[in-house]
Amino acid sequence: MSFEAKYRGMCGSCDGPIAVGQLIRSLYTDRGYEHVECPPEVPEIKREVCKKCFQEKAANRSCACD
């Protein structure tokens, strides 16, 4: 049985945040609740680091220190 979340929390399946109003269900274990449908994972984008200032370069590979 699913229901809308009344409080914020963490999903016991994907460890992502549960927002108020999202559809959740009980896991009937010590892990609490889970999303009815967990959101897809967002891939982390790795960017090149500038060798002068050690900050990530922009997507076009330019740096503010140049």
Foldseek 3Di string as FASTA:
>chain_A
DKDFACDWDAALPPRHIRDGGFIWDAPPDPSGIHGPDDDDDDDDDDADADPPPRHGADPVRHDPVD
